[in-house]
N, C-alpha and C. Protein backbone atom coordinates (compact mmCIF):
# COMPACT_ATOMS: atom_id res chain seq x y z
N MET A 1 338.26 436.71 44.59
CA MET A 1 337.50 436.47 43.89
C MET A 1 337.67 435.65 42.37
N LYS A 2 337.23 434.91 42.20
CA LYS A 2 337.77 433.86 40.70
C LYS A 2 336.71 434.32 39.86
N LEU A 3 337.42 434.73 38.26
CA LEU A 3 336.62 435.41 37.38
C LEU A 3 336.60 434.29 36.51
N ASP A 4 336.94 433.47 36.56
CA ASP A 4 336.99 432.31 35.62
C ASP A 4 337.28 432.73 33.95
N ILE A 5 338.39 433.45 33.93
CA ILE A 5 338.63 433.69 32.64
C ILE A 5 340.11 433.15 32.30
N LEU A 6 340.21 432.62 31.42
CA LEU A 6 341.46 431.68 30.78
C LEU A 6 342.52 432.85 30.50
N PRO A 7 343.84 432.51 30.60
CA PRO A 7 344.87 433.54 29.83
C PRO A 7 344.56 432.99 28.30
N VAL A 8 345.50 434.35 27.51
CA VAL A 8 345.60 434.06 25.98
C VAL A 8 346.77 432.89 25.65
N PRO A 9 346.61 432.24 24.63
CA PRO A 9 347.61 431.05 24.52
C PRO A 9 348.79 431.65 24.15
N PHE A 10 349.91 431.05 24.71
CA PHE A 10 351.13 431.30 24.37
C PHE A 10 351.77 430.66 23.11
N LEU A 11 352.18 431.25 22.02
CA LEU A 11 352.84 430.79 21.02
C LEU A 11 354.08 430.35 20.57
N GLY A 12 354.96 430.89 21.65
CA GLY A 12 356.28 430.77 21.72
C GLY A 12 356.79 432.05 21.52
N PHE A 13 358.41 431.87 21.40
CA PHE A 13 359.32 432.91 21.08
C PHE A 13 359.27 433.00 19.40
N LEU A 14 358.93 433.94 18.81
CA LEU A 14 358.92 433.91 17.27
C LEU A 14 359.55 435.36 16.80
N SER A 15 360.30 435.28 15.41
CA SER A 15 360.61 436.42 14.86
C SER A 15 359.68 437.12 14.36
N ILE A 16 359.71 438.31 13.95
CA ILE A 16 358.43 439.20 13.23
C ILE A 16 358.21 438.50 11.74
N GLN A 17 359.21 437.98 11.07
CA GLN A 17 359.07 437.40 9.91
C GLN A 17 357.83 436.00 10.46
N GLU A 18 358.38 435.40 11.28
CA GLU A 18 357.52 434.21 11.26
C GLU A 18 355.85 434.51 11.88
N ILE A 19 356.15 435.34 12.76
CA ILE A 19 354.55 436.12 13.01
C ILE A 19 353.82 436.70 11.74
N VAL A 20 354.44 437.13 11.04
CA VAL A 20 353.59 437.63 9.77
C VAL A 20 353.08 436.95 8.70
N TYR A 21 354.37 435.66 8.73
CA TYR A 21 353.95 434.53 7.93
C TYR A 21 352.74 433.87 8.39
N MET A 22 352.70 433.45 9.84
CA MET A 22 351.49 432.95 10.49
C MET A 22 350.20 433.51 10.27
N VAL A 23 350.66 434.88 10.58
CA VAL A 23 349.08 435.56 10.52
C VAL A 23 348.43 435.87 9.08
N LYS A 24 349.49 436.14 8.10
CA LYS A 24 349.00 436.05 6.90
C LYS A 24 348.62 434.71 5.98
N HIS A 25 348.88 433.64 6.53
CA HIS A 25 348.58 432.40 6.11
C HIS A 25 347.43 431.80 6.81
N LYS A 26 346.72 432.60 7.61
CA LYS A 26 345.62 432.25 8.26
C LYS A 26 345.46 431.15 9.26
N TYR A 27 346.36 431.35 10.16
CA TYR A 27 346.57 430.12 11.51
C TYR A 27 344.93 429.93 12.06
N ARG A 28 344.97 428.91 12.60
CA ARG A 28 343.84 428.60 13.37
C ARG A 28 343.49 428.66 14.41
N SER A 29 342.29 429.19 15.14
CA SER A 29 342.36 429.85 16.34
C SER A 29 342.28 428.84 17.56
N LEU A 30 343.47 428.95 18.37
CA LEU A 30 343.80 427.93 19.70
C LEU A 30 342.37 428.13 20.52
N VAL A 31 342.14 429.42 20.98
CA VAL A 31 340.97 429.65 21.65
C VAL A 31 339.59 428.67 21.15
N ALA A 32 339.30 429.11 19.67
CA ALA A 32 338.02 428.28 19.36
C ALA A 32 338.17 426.68 19.78
N GLU A 33 339.17 426.07 19.38
CA GLU A 33 339.50 424.81 19.33
C GLU A 33 339.42 424.05 20.95
N PHE A 34 339.95 425.29 21.56
CA PHE A 34 340.15 424.89 23.06
C PHE A 34 338.63 424.80 23.75
N GLU A 35 337.69 425.84 23.31
CA GLU A 35 336.37 426.21 24.17
C GLU A 35 335.32 425.32 23.60
N GLY A 36 335.95 424.42 22.55
CA GLY A 36 334.83 423.41 22.03
C GLY A 36 334.37 423.89 20.75
N GLY A 37 334.76 425.01 20.31
CA GLY A 37 334.33 425.63 18.91
C GLY A 37 334.58 425.07 17.78
N ASN A 38 334.52 425.70 16.77
CA ASN A 38 334.75 424.84 15.30
C ASN A 38 336.42 424.93 15.44
N PRO A 39 337.00 424.26 15.36
CA PRO A 39 338.52 423.81 15.08
C PRO A 39 339.04 424.57 13.89
N ASP A 40 338.26 424.88 12.70
CA ASP A 40 338.55 425.04 11.81
C ASP A 40 338.59 426.65 11.41
N TYR A 41 338.08 427.86 12.50
CA TYR A 41 338.17 429.04 12.73
C TYR A 41 339.30 429.60 12.64
N ASP A 42 339.58 430.39 11.83
CA ASP A 42 340.67 431.32 11.83
C ASP A 42 341.13 432.41 13.12
N ALA A 43 341.93 432.35 13.13
CA ALA A 43 342.46 433.25 14.60
C ALA A 43 342.07 434.82 13.88
N GLU A 44 342.04 435.83 14.60
CA GLU A 44 341.97 437.32 14.35
C GLU A 44 343.35 437.81 14.13
N GLY A 45 344.10 437.58 14.93
CA GLY A 45 345.41 438.09 14.83
C GLY A 45 346.39 437.64 15.92
N VAL A 46 347.35 438.29 16.13
CA VAL A 46 348.54 438.23 17.08
C VAL A 46 348.86 439.44 17.88
N VAL A 47 348.57 439.42 19.30
CA VAL A 47 349.74 440.68 20.06
C VAL A 47 351.02 440.08 20.55
N CYS A 48 351.89 440.92 20.16
CA CYS A 48 352.87 440.53 20.26
C CYS A 48 353.81 441.38 21.40
N LYS A 49 354.55 440.81 22.18
CA LYS A 49 355.32 441.79 23.44
C LYS A 49 356.60 440.92 23.40
N ALA A 50 357.47 442.18 23.72
CA ALA A 50 359.11 441.42 23.79
C ALA A 50 359.49 441.06 24.90
N PRO A 51 360.25 440.09 24.95
CA PRO A 51 360.16 438.94 26.14
C PRO A 51 361.09 439.90 27.37
N TYR A 52 360.96 439.23 28.40
CA TYR A 52 361.44 439.96 29.79
C TYR A 52 361.22 441.07 29.98
N GLY A 53 360.24 441.64 29.30
CA GLY A 53 359.81 443.22 29.51
C GLY A 53 360.68 444.20 29.43
N VAL A 54 361.38 444.06 28.04
CA VAL A 54 361.94 445.09 27.50
C VAL A 54 361.59 445.88 27.16
N LEU A 55 361.99 447.28 27.42
CA LEU A 55 361.33 448.83 27.35
C LEU A 55 362.02 449.20 26.22
N ASP A 56 361.61 450.12 25.51
CA ASP A 56 362.10 451.25 24.65
C ASP A 56 362.73 452.42 25.21
N ARG A 57 363.48 453.18 24.95
CA ARG A 57 363.95 454.53 25.18
C ARG A 57 363.52 455.25 26.23
N MET A 58 361.98 455.24 25.64
CA MET A 58 361.03 455.86 26.84
C MET A 58 360.50 455.34 27.83
N GLY A 59 360.71 453.85 27.94
CA GLY A 59 360.31 453.25 29.40
C GLY A 59 359.07 452.70 28.96
N LYS A 60 358.86 452.58 27.61
CA LYS A 60 357.23 451.90 27.13
C LYS A 60 357.52 450.47 26.84
N ARG A 61 356.61 449.62 27.14
CA ARG A 61 356.66 448.08 26.32
C ARG A 61 356.87 448.23 25.38
N ILE A 62 357.51 447.14 24.54
CA ILE A 62 357.53 446.98 23.30
C ILE A 62 356.92 445.89 22.85
N MET A 63 355.54 446.68 22.37
CA MET A 63 354.40 445.62 21.89
C MET A 63 353.94 446.04 20.56
N PHE A 64 352.87 444.79 19.63
CA PHE A 64 352.48 445.23 18.36
C PHE A 64 351.45 444.32 17.84
N LYS A 65 350.29 444.58 17.44
CA LYS A 65 349.32 443.71 17.05
C LYS A 65 349.35 443.73 15.69
N LEU A 66 349.04 442.31 15.13
CA LEU A 66 349.15 442.04 13.68
C LEU A 66 347.84 441.27 13.58
N LYS A 67 346.76 442.02 12.74
CA LYS A 67 345.30 441.31 12.70
C LYS A 67 345.55 440.47 11.21
N SER A 68 344.71 439.60 10.99
CA SER A 68 344.25 438.95 9.82
C SER A 68 343.68 439.59 8.60
N LYS A 69 343.01 440.50 9.42
CA LYS A 69 342.17 441.33 8.41
C LYS A 69 343.17 442.55 7.25
N ASP A 70 344.40 442.35 8.19
CA ASP A 70 345.37 443.23 7.59
C ASP A 70 346.01 442.78 6.58
N PHE A 71 345.67 441.55 5.97
CA PHE A 71 346.53 440.89 4.63
C PHE A 71 345.19 440.65 3.94
N SER A 72 343.97 441.08 3.96
CA SER A 72 343.14 440.69 3.11
C SER A 72 342.37 441.85 1.92
């Protein structure tokens, strides 16, 4: 069964400082641009995961979400 759902854009391997700077300074939404919407639309935020499936000591994935509204 095909769901026609696009994967989220991959922004690359970034440090936490780079991610905070990018979200704090309102980067543009890649999804809005790709789907033919307004290319000047600001992204809502970023979901970050550690590469290669790195887990913490409790066996949980290392990940966090940083939203643009956290800086407004």
